[in-house]
Protein backbone atom coordinates (compact mmCIF):
# COMPACT_ATOMS: atom_id res chain seq x y z
CA MET A 1 -12.15 71.98 32.04
CA ARG A 2 -13.24 74.71 30.20
CA GLU A 3 -11.73 72.83 27.23
CA VAL A 4 -14.01 69.32 28.04
CA ALA A 5 -16.89 71.04 28.99
CA SER A 6 -17.02 72.35 25.08
CA TYR A 7 -15.01 69.22 23.46
CA ARG A 8 -17.90 68.09 21.68
CA LEU A 9 -18.40 64.14 21.27
CA THR A 10 -19.09 62.92 17.64
CA MET A 11 -19.16 59.69 15.68
CA ASP A 12 -16.47 61.04 13.97
CA LYS A 13 -14.17 61.46 17.01
CA VAL A 14 -15.61 58.00 18.13
CA ASN A 15 -14.17 56.07 15.47
CA GLN A 16 -11.16 57.76 15.20
CA ALA A 17 -10.38 57.03 18.30
CA ALA A 18 -11.09 53.33 17.84
CA VAL A 19 -8.14 53.95 15.19
CA ALA A 20 -5.62 55.38 17.54
CA MET A 21 -7.12 52.30 20.80
CA ARG A 22 -6.89 49.41 18.42
CA ALA A 23 -3.37 50.68 16.97
CA MET A 24 -2.23 50.95 20.75
CA ALA A 25 -3.70 47.10 21.97
CA ALA A 26 -1.49 45.74 18.54
CA GLU A 27 1.85 47.53 18.92
CA LEU A 28 1.11 46.76 22.99
CA LYS A 29 0.86 42.99 22.12
CA LYS A 30 4.13 42.76 20.18
CA ASP A 31 5.87 43.84 23.60
CA PRO A 32 7.56 40.66 25.66
CA ARG A 33 6.32 41.50 28.65
CA TYR A 34 2.96 41.42 27.64
CA GLN A 35 3.13 38.59 25.31
CA GLU A 36 4.63 36.66 29.15
CA LEU A 37 1.70 38.24 30.71
CA ALA A 38 -1.26 36.89 28.22
CA LYS A 39 0.87 33.53 29.10
CA VAL A 40 0.95 33.78 32.73
CA LYS A 41 -2.77 34.47 32.99
CA ALA A 42 -4.08 31.94 30.68
CA GLU A 43 -1.97 29.42 32.85
CA LEU A 44 -3.07 30.32 36.21
CA GLU A 45 -6.76 30.30 34.50
CA ALA A 46 -6.13 26.72 33.18
CA LEU A 47 -5.19 25.73 36.80
CA ARG A 48 -7.92 27.71 38.83
CA LYS A 49 -10.40 25.64 37.01
CA LYS A 50 -8.86 22.64 38.43
CA ASP A 51 -11.28 21.32 41.53
CA GLU A 52 -8.22 20.24 43.68
CA LEU A 53 -4.74 20.89 43.02
CA THR A 54 -1.68 19.30 43.54
CA GLU A 55 0.77 20.53 46.30
CA ALA A 56 3.19 21.78 43.34
CA GLU A 57 0.17 23.15 41.23
CA GLU A 58 -0.83 24.67 44.32
CA ALA A 59 3.13 26.40 44.32
CA ARG A 60 2.76 26.99 40.35
CA VAL A 61 -0.04 29.36 41.39
CA GLU A 62 1.81 31.20 43.78
CA GLN A 63 4.26 31.67 41.55
CA LEU A 64 2.90 33.09 38.53
CA THR A 65 0.32 35.01 41.11
CA LYS A 66 3.64 36.22 42.31
CA ARG A 67 5.25 36.93 38.09
CA GLN A 68 1.49 38.69 36.92
CA GLU A 69 2.18 41.53 39.74
CA ASP A 70 5.38 42.35 38.72
CA LEU A 71 4.24 41.69 34.84
CA GLU A 72 1.74 43.64 35.61
CA ALA A 73 3.31 47.05 37.78
CA ALA A 74 6.73 46.74 34.83
CA VAL A 75 3.85 47.51 32.21
CA ASP A 76 1.70 50.01 33.68
CA ASP A 77 2.76 53.03 32.72
CA LYS A 78 2.58 55.22 35.49
CA SER A 79 3.02 58.44 33.56
CA LEU A 80 -0.19 57.81 32.28
CA SER A 81 -2.45 57.30 35.36
CA LYS A 82 -0.76 60.05 37.63
CA SER A 83 -2.15 62.29 34.81
CA GLY A 84 -4.81 65.33 35.85
CA SER A 85 -4.35 68.10 33.52
CA LEU A 86 -5.04 68.20 30.00
CA SER A 87 -1.04 69.08 29.53
CA GLU A 88 -0.01 66.61 31.28
CA MET A 89 -2.16 63.95 29.65
CA GLU A 90 -0.82 64.96 26.83
CA ALA A 91 2.87 65.59 27.26
CA ALA A 92 2.63 61.66 28.71
CA PHE A 93 0.56 60.65 25.18
CA LYS A 94 3.58 62.02 23.43
CA ALA A 95 6.37 60.63 25.86
CA GLU A 96 5.08 57.10 25.69
CA PRO A 97 5.90 55.39 22.17
CA VAL A 98 3.10 53.57 21.58
CA PHE A 99 0.25 55.69 22.12
CA ALA A 100 2.54 58.47 20.12
CA GLY A 101 2.88 56.44 16.96
CA ALA A 102 -0.84 55.26 17.24
CA LEU A 103 -2.18 58.71 17.68
CA ALA A 104 -0.55 59.18 14.78
CA LYS A 105 -1.55 57.09 12.99
CA ALA A 106 -5.45 57.27 13.52
CA GLY A 107 -4.15 61.52 12.66
CA MET A 108 -5.23 62.32 16.60
CA PRO A 109 -3.25 64.64 18.15
CA PRO A 110 -2.42 64.20 21.95
CA ARG A 111 -4.49 66.96 23.07
CA ASP A 112 -7.02 65.80 21.01
CA PHE A 113 -7.63 61.86 22.87
CA ALA A 114 -6.83 63.74 26.32
CA LYS A 115 -9.96 66.05 25.65
CA PHE A 116 -12.15 63.05 23.51
CA LEU A 117 -11.37 60.86 27.16
CA LEU A 118 -12.46 63.00 29.86
CA ALA A 119 -14.97 64.18 27.89
CA MET A 120 -16.76 60.45 26.79
CA PHE A 121 -16.28 59.91 30.83
CA GLN A 122 -18.28 62.36 32.44
CA ALA A 123 -20.60 62.17 29.92
CA SER A 124 -21.37 58.53 30.14
CA PHE A 125 -20.95 59.16 33.73
CA ALA A 126 -23.66 62.10 33.19
CA ALA A 127 -25.39 59.87 31.21
CA GLY A 128 -26.19 57.10 33.96
CA LEU A 129 -26.79 59.20 36.78
CA GLN A 130 -29.28 60.60 34.52
CA LYS A 131 -30.84 57.07 33.29
CA ALA A 132 -30.92 56.15 36.65
CA GLY A 133 -32.98 58.71 37.71
CA THR A 134 -30.03 59.75 39.98
CA ILE A 135 -30.05 63.40 38.65
CA LYS A 136 -32.72 65.91 37.07
CA GLU A 137 -30.18 68.41 36.00
CA LEU A 138 -26.87 68.33 34.71
CA PRO A 139 -24.28 69.87 36.31
CA LYS A 140 -23.91 72.81 34.34
CA GLU A 141 -19.62 72.21 33.58
CA VAL A 142 -21.30 69.29 31.82
CA ASN A 143 -22.33 69.53 27.90
CA ALA A 144 -25.51 68.21 27.72
CA GLU A 145 -24.44 67.67 24.05
CA ASN A 146 -22.35 65.02 24.95
CA VAL A 147 -24.79 63.37 27.46
CA LYS A 148 -27.18 63.62 24.21
CA PHE A 149 -24.83 61.90 22.60
CA VAL A 150 -23.89 59.58 24.53
CA LEU A 151 -27.40 58.03 25.01
CA ASP A 152 -28.12 58.39 21.35
CA HIS A 153 -25.13 56.55 20.53
CA GLU A 154 -24.92 53.88 23.42
CA ALA A 155 -25.78 50.17 21.52
CA GLU A 156 -22.68 51.78 19.77
CA LEU A 157 -20.89 52.80 22.34
CA GLN A 158 -21.12 49.59 24.07
CA LYS A 159 -20.54 47.57 21.15
CA LEU A 160 -17.16 49.51 20.90
CA GLN A 161 -16.20 49.43 24.66
CA GLU A 162 -16.27 45.60 24.30
CA GLU A 163 -14.44 45.44 21.53
CA MET A 164 -11.83 47.29 23.63
CA LYS A 165 -12.45 45.31 26.01
CA SER A 166 -11.45 42.30 24.36
CA LEU A 167 -8.61 43.46 22.45
CA GLY A 168 -7.02 44.58 26.36
CA GLY A 169 -7.57 40.86 26.91
CA ASP A 170 -9.84 41.79 29.69
CA GLU A 171 -12.47 38.79 28.53
C-alpha cells in the first residue's frame, strides 16, 4: 500500500498506460476466441432487438447465450482477477504474453502498470466520494496529489475511459 500511496499520477503515465491498453486490445482482437465472442454478441444483440422471436430463433438465443458464457469463461484471465498484491499483479502481467508485450511496447514495466492501475482506481474513487460530498477529508493512505490530479484532468480521463470501453467492445 505504501508503494501505491507514494505513486504519483501524471499525464505522461496516463498516456503510457493508454498506449499499453490500446496494444493489449489490438492483440486480443486477433485472438480467435475474442473474434468469435464478438460475432456471438452481435448476433445475440440482433436477435434481442426483434419484437417477436420464432421458436428457432429462441433456441438460437439459448445456444448463443451458452456459447457466450463459455467463451467469456475461456478468455477471462483468472490469474489477473485473482491478483491482490502488487507482486501478484506484476507476475500476472509478466505471465500473460499479450499484456507483457503491450507493456513492453509502451515502455511501462509491469509493476509500474500495476501501481498505476491501483493508484488511479484509488484516486478516482476518493475523488468521486469527495465530489459527491460523501467524505470531507481524504483517508491518510490516499495520495491527495493523485486525487487532485484526477479532479483536474476529469474531462481527459473520462474521454480516455470511453475510448478504452470501446476498445474492449463494451459499447
